[in-house]
Amino acid sequence: MEDQVPSEGKALEQPMHFRAARSRRLYEDVVQQIIELIDSQQLQPGTRLPPEREIAKQISVSRNVLREAFRVLEERGIIISRQGGGRFVRAVDAKIRSTGDSVSTLEVATIVDALEARTLLEGQIVALACQRRTAEEGQRLRELAERGATWQDNVDFHVALANATHNFLLVRMVREQLDLLHELHQRDHYAIPEQGGYLHGDHVAIADAIVARDAPLAQQLLREHLGHTQESLEGIDPSDPSAA
């Protein structure tokens, strides 16, 4: 999924006014100011941000602080950079459900991208876990799958899947993706809040497939599981057979 950004960027209809940064971590204040400008639609999708020097002067921070703020916003998928072209508010694909709130819609777009990446990564993880898991790790997966109600339960299960590969880099990658999704408040974006509870049944099936060392089934179930998560974002009840 590629972001569509005009080559020249949209022109600002009126000048933006930043305030001097507060005494907390300076880059956090800058992040919050840019988010507020997006929320108020002074910065709209596809809009090019003013030059670093101009923003830094208005906010009274160094360009290093400003760049740290941009790093955070880029990691969250709110701002994108174009080599030699400046920074832009990310343009959201038309297929992404609008939440009615600019920043929230941008977060949903990032979550959808993350789910696509997780499908590719964790599909290979479950295959390796089928080959390499120990008896103790299989039992641990079943125990964690039975919990599955809270976000932390979800994190613990998917990290345990990665641990069963015995590859520390895969564990790290899974943790980083889940940390990002936590920062983006993934479950707060479900169209029906209680949908998160339906997903733990997927964990049970995935754990059983790994214990049975059935890699094709585990991969299929993993794809379906993350597909159910995306359906939750789109307002489709994953427990409803008619939604299939």
Protein backbone atom coordinates (compact mmCIF):
# COMPACT_ATOMS: atom_id res chain seq x y z
CA MET A 1 0.00 0.00 0.00
CA GLU A 2 1.66 3.22 -1.10
CA ASP A 3 0.85 6.69 0.13
CA GLN A 4 -0.27 9.05 -2.58
CA VAL A 5 1.33 12.43 -1.99
CA PRO A 6 1.23 15.27 -4.54
CA SER A 7 4.70 15.95 -5.90
CA GLU A 8 4.47 19.65 -5.01
CA GLY A 9 2.37 19.19 -1.86
CA LYS A 10 -0.79 21.11 -1.04
CA ALA A 11 -0.39 24.80 -0.39
CA LEU A 12 -1.33 26.01 3.10
CA GLU A 13 -4.42 28.22 2.98
CA GLN A 14 -3.30 30.22 6.02
CA PRO A 15 -0.10 30.46 8.08
CA MET A 16 0.23 28.13 11.07
CA HIS A 17 1.15 29.44 14.49
CA PHE A 18 3.25 27.33 16.82
CA ARG A 19 3.80 28.17 20.49
CA ALA A 20 7.03 28.00 22.49
CA ALA A 21 7.69 24.44 23.70
CA ARG A 22 6.89 23.51 27.31
CA SER A 23 9.39 22.23 29.85
CA ARG A 24 8.58 18.48 29.51
CA ARG A 25 10.57 16.52 26.96
CA LEU A 26 10.75 19.05 24.19
CA TYR A 27 10.22 16.63 21.33
CA GLU A 28 7.01 15.34 22.98
CA ASP A 29 5.64 18.87 23.02
CA VAL A 30 6.47 19.25 19.34
CA VAL A 31 4.76 15.93 18.55
CA GLN A 32 1.65 17.09 20.42
CA GLN A 33 1.56 20.42 18.60
CA ILE A 34 1.71 18.80 15.19
CA ILE A 35 -1.01 16.32 16.18
CA GLU A 36 -3.19 19.23 17.32
CA LEU A 37 -2.67 20.99 13.98
CA ILE A 38 -3.75 17.82 12.16
CA ASP A 39 -6.75 17.39 14.46
CA SER A 40 -7.83 20.98 13.79
CA GLN A 41 -7.29 20.37 10.04
CA GLN A 42 -4.78 23.19 9.76
CA LEU A 43 -2.59 20.38 8.45
CA GLN A 44 -4.49 18.07 6.13
CA PRO A 45 -3.49 14.78 4.49
CA GLY A 46 -0.98 15.43 1.73
CA THR A 47 0.01 18.84 3.11
CA ARG A 48 3.69 19.64 3.07
CA LEU A 49 5.09 20.89 6.38
CA PRO A 50 7.02 24.15 6.54
CA PRO A 51 10.84 23.91 6.45
CA GLU A 52 12.63 22.68 9.58
CA ARG A 53 14.26 26.04 10.18
CA GLU A 54 10.92 27.84 10.20
CA ILE A 55 9.23 25.39 12.58
CA ALA A 56 12.25 25.26 14.92
CA LYS A 57 12.30 29.05 15.15
CA GLN A 58 8.58 29.30 15.98
CA ILE A 59 8.72 26.56 18.62
CA SER A 60 12.07 27.71 20.02
CA VAL A 61 13.75 24.31 19.87
CA SER A 62 16.85 23.00 18.16
CA ARG A 63 16.56 21.20 14.85
CA ASN A 64 17.77 18.03 16.60
CA VAL A 65 14.73 18.18 18.90
CA LEU A 66 12.49 18.78 15.89
CA ARG A 67 13.97 15.80 14.07
CA GLU A 68 13.34 13.56 17.08
CA ALA A 69 9.69 14.65 17.01
CA PHE A 70 9.49 13.88 13.31
CA ARG A 71 11.05 10.45 13.95
CA VAL A 72 8.25 9.63 16.41
CA LEU A 73 5.57 10.88 14.02
CA GLU A 74 7.06 8.92 11.13
CA GLU A 75 7.16 5.73 13.21
CA ARG A 76 3.46 6.19 13.91
CA GLY A 77 2.73 6.70 10.21
CA ILE A 78 1.43 10.24 10.69
CA ILE A 79 4.23 12.06 8.85
CA ILE A 80 6.18 10.76 5.85
CA SER A 81 9.43 12.03 4.34
CA ARG A 82 10.29 12.37 0.68
CA GLN A 83 13.98 12.45 -0.21
CA GLY A 84 14.68 16.02 -1.24
CA GLY A 85 10.98 16.83 -1.09
CA GLY A 86 10.37 17.60 2.57
CA ARG A 87 7.89 16.12 5.01
CA PHE A 88 4.17 15.63 4.49
CA VAL A 89 1.13 14.63 6.49
CA ARG A 90 0.46 11.11 5.30
CA ALA A 91 -2.28 10.75 2.70
CA VAL A 92 -4.63 7.92 3.69
CA ASP A 93 -5.71 5.32 1.17
CA ALA A 94 -9.38 5.68 0.23
CA LYS A 95 -9.98 2.07 1.37
CA ILE A 96 -9.23 2.99 5.00
CA ARG A 97 -12.32 3.51 7.12
CA SER A 98 -12.64 7.14 8.17
CA THR A 99 -13.12 7.55 11.92
CA GLY A 100 -14.20 11.17 11.58
CA ASP A 101 -10.99 12.25 13.30
CA SER A 102 -7.90 13.01 11.21
CA VAL A 103 -5.25 11.63 13.57
CA SER A 104 -7.34 8.58 14.46
CA THR A 105 -7.82 7.76 10.77
CA LEU A 106 -4.05 8.03 10.24
CA GLU A 107 -3.52 5.64 13.15
CA VAL A 108 -5.93 3.12 11.63
CA ALA A 109 -4.02 3.33 8.33
CA THR A 110 -0.76 2.54 10.16
CA ILE A 111 -2.40 -0.36 12.02
CA VAL A 112 -3.58 -1.83 8.69
CA ASP A 113 -0.02 -1.61 7.32
CA ALA A 114 1.32 -3.22 10.49
CA LEU A 115 -1.17 -6.09 10.20
CA GLU A 116 0.00 -6.72 6.64
CA ALA A 117 3.62 -6.82 7.83
CA ARG A 118 2.70 -9.09 10.73
CA THR A 119 0.93 -11.51 8.40
CA LEU A 120 4.14 -11.91 6.39
CA LEU A 121 6.43 -12.13 9.42
CA GLU A 122 4.35 -14.24 11.79
CA GLY A 123 3.32 -16.62 9.02
CA GLN A 124 6.96 -17.71 8.88
CA ILE A 125 7.27 -17.60 12.65
CA VAL A 126 4.50 -20.15 13.23
CA ALA A 127 6.07 -22.46 10.63
CA LEU A 128 9.41 -22.33 12.45
CA ALA A 129 7.67 -22.72 15.81
CA CYS A 130 6.11 -25.97 14.57
CA GLN A 131 9.59 -27.31 13.80
CA ARG A 132 11.45 -26.01 16.85
CA ARG A 133 9.09 -25.70 19.80
CA THR A 134 9.84 -27.77 22.87
CA ALA A 135 7.16 -29.65 24.79
CA GLU A 136 7.32 -26.96 27.47
CA GLU A 137 6.87 -24.19 24.90
CA GLY A 138 3.88 -25.98 23.39
CA GLN A 139 2.27 -26.22 26.82
CA ARG A 140 3.05 -22.57 27.49
CA LEU A 141 1.37 -21.54 24.23
CA ARG A 142 -1.78 -23.44 25.20
CA GLU A 143 -1.84 -21.77 28.62
CA LEU A 144 -1.40 -18.29 27.14
CA ALA A 145 -4.01 -18.96 24.45
CA GLU A 146 -6.61 -19.71 27.12
CA ARG A 147 -6.15 -16.25 28.63
CA GLY A 148 -6.40 -13.99 25.61
CA ALA A 149 -8.73 -11.33 27.04
CA THR A 150 -6.44 -8.33 27.55
CA TRP A 151 -3.94 -6.60 25.30
CA GLN A 152 -1.10 -7.93 27.48
CA ASP A 153 -2.44 -11.47 27.04
CA ASN A 154 -2.31 -10.90 23.29
CA VAL A 155 1.27 -9.62 23.48
CA ASP A 156 2.37 -12.54 25.67
CA PHE A 157 0.93 -15.08 23.22
CA HIS A 158 2.51 -13.62 20.08
CA VAL A 159 5.86 -13.14 21.80
CA ALA A 160 5.70 -16.77 22.96
CA LEU A 161 5.13 -17.80 19.34
CA ALA A 162 8.31 -15.95 18.38
CA ASN A 163 10.22 -17.40 21.35
CA ALA A 164 9.37 -20.90 20.10
CA THR A 165 11.46 -20.21 16.96
CA HIS A 166 14.58 -19.82 19.17
CA ASN A 167 15.54 -16.78 17.07
CA PHE A 168 16.02 -13.66 19.21
CA LEU A 169 15.73 -11.27 16.25
CA LEU A 170 12.26 -12.58 15.43
CA VAL A 171 11.27 -12.05 19.06
CA ARG A 172 12.57 -8.49 18.89
CA MET A 173 10.71 -7.75 15.64
CA VAL A 174 7.43 -9.04 17.04
CA ARG A 175 7.84 -6.99 20.22
CA GLU A 176 8.57 -3.83 18.23
CA GLN A 177 5.47 -4.26 16.08
CA LEU A 178 3.27 -4.92 19.10
CA ASP A 179 4.75 -1.93 20.94
CA LEU A 180 3.84 0.26 17.96
CA LEU A 181 0.29 -1.10 17.88
CA HIS A 182 -0.03 -0.41 21.61
CA GLU A 183 1.06 3.20 21.05
CA LEU A 184 -1.57 3.44 18.31
CA HIS A 185 -4.27 2.11 20.69
CA GLN A 186 -5.23 -0.69 18.30
CA ARG A 187 -8.14 -2.05 20.32
CA ASP A 188 -9.58 1.43 20.87
CA HIS A 189 -10.07 1.56 17.10
CA TYR A 190 -12.25 -1.55 16.92
CA ALA A 191 -15.65 -0.52 15.59
CA ILE A 192 -17.30 -2.70 18.28
CA PRO A 193 -15.16 -2.66 21.46
CA GLU A 194 -15.97 -6.20 22.64
CA GLN A 195 -14.65 -7.69 19.38
CA GLY A 196 -11.21 -8.06 20.96
CA GLY A 197 -12.60 -10.84 23.12
CA TYR A 198 -13.53 -12.98 20.12
CA LEU A 199 -9.95 -13.14 18.92
CA HIS A 200 -8.62 -15.26 21.78
CA GLY A 201 -10.36 -18.31 20.28
CA ASP A 202 -8.02 -17.90 17.32
CA HIS A 203 -5.08 -18.18 19.71
CA VAL A 204 -6.33 -21.53 20.99
CA ALA A 205 -6.55 -22.95 17.46
CA ILE A 206 -3.09 -21.63 16.53
CA ALA A 207 -1.55 -23.12 19.68
CA ASP A 208 -3.15 -26.49 18.97
CA ALA A 209 -1.76 -26.49 15.42
CA ILE A 210 1.74 -25.72 16.69
CA VAL A 211 1.56 -28.43 19.33
CA ALA A 212 0.53 -30.82 16.52
CA ARG A 213 3.45 -29.48 14.41
CA ASP A 214 1.01 -28.79 11.57
CA ALA A 215 2.76 -25.85 9.88
CA PRO A 216 0.32 -25.36 6.94
CA LEU A 217 -2.65 -25.26 9.32
CA ALA A 218 -0.85 -22.92 11.74
CA GLN A 219 -0.04 -20.53 8.89
CA GLN A 220 -3.62 -20.59 7.64
CA LEU A 221 -4.98 -19.94 11.13
CA LEU A 222 -2.50 -17.10 11.68
CA ARG A 223 -3.59 -15.41 8.43
CA GLU A 224 -7.25 -15.79 9.42
CA HIS A 225 -6.52 -14.46 12.91
CA LEU A 226 -4.91 -11.25 11.66
CA GLY A 227 -7.67 -11.01 9.06
CA HIS A 228 -10.20 -11.07 11.90
CA THR A 229 -8.31 -8.23 13.53
CA GLN A 230 -8.57 -6.17 10.38
CA GLU A 231 -12.28 -6.97 10.15
CA SER A 232 -12.65 -5.63 13.68
CA LEU A 233 -11.09 -2.36 12.54
CA GLU A 234 -13.53 -2.26 9.63
CA GLY A 235 -16.56 -2.94 11.80
CA ILE A 236 -17.16 -6.54 10.70
CA ASP A 237 -18.07 -8.93 13.52
CA PRO A 238 -15.57 -11.83 13.27
CA SER A 239 -17.98 -14.09 15.17
CA ASP A 240 -20.70 -13.62 12.51
CA PRO A 241 -20.60 -16.41 9.86
CA SER A 242 -22.38 -14.12 7.39
CA ALA A 243 -19.36 -11.79 7.45
CA ALA A 244 -17.18 -14.35 5.68
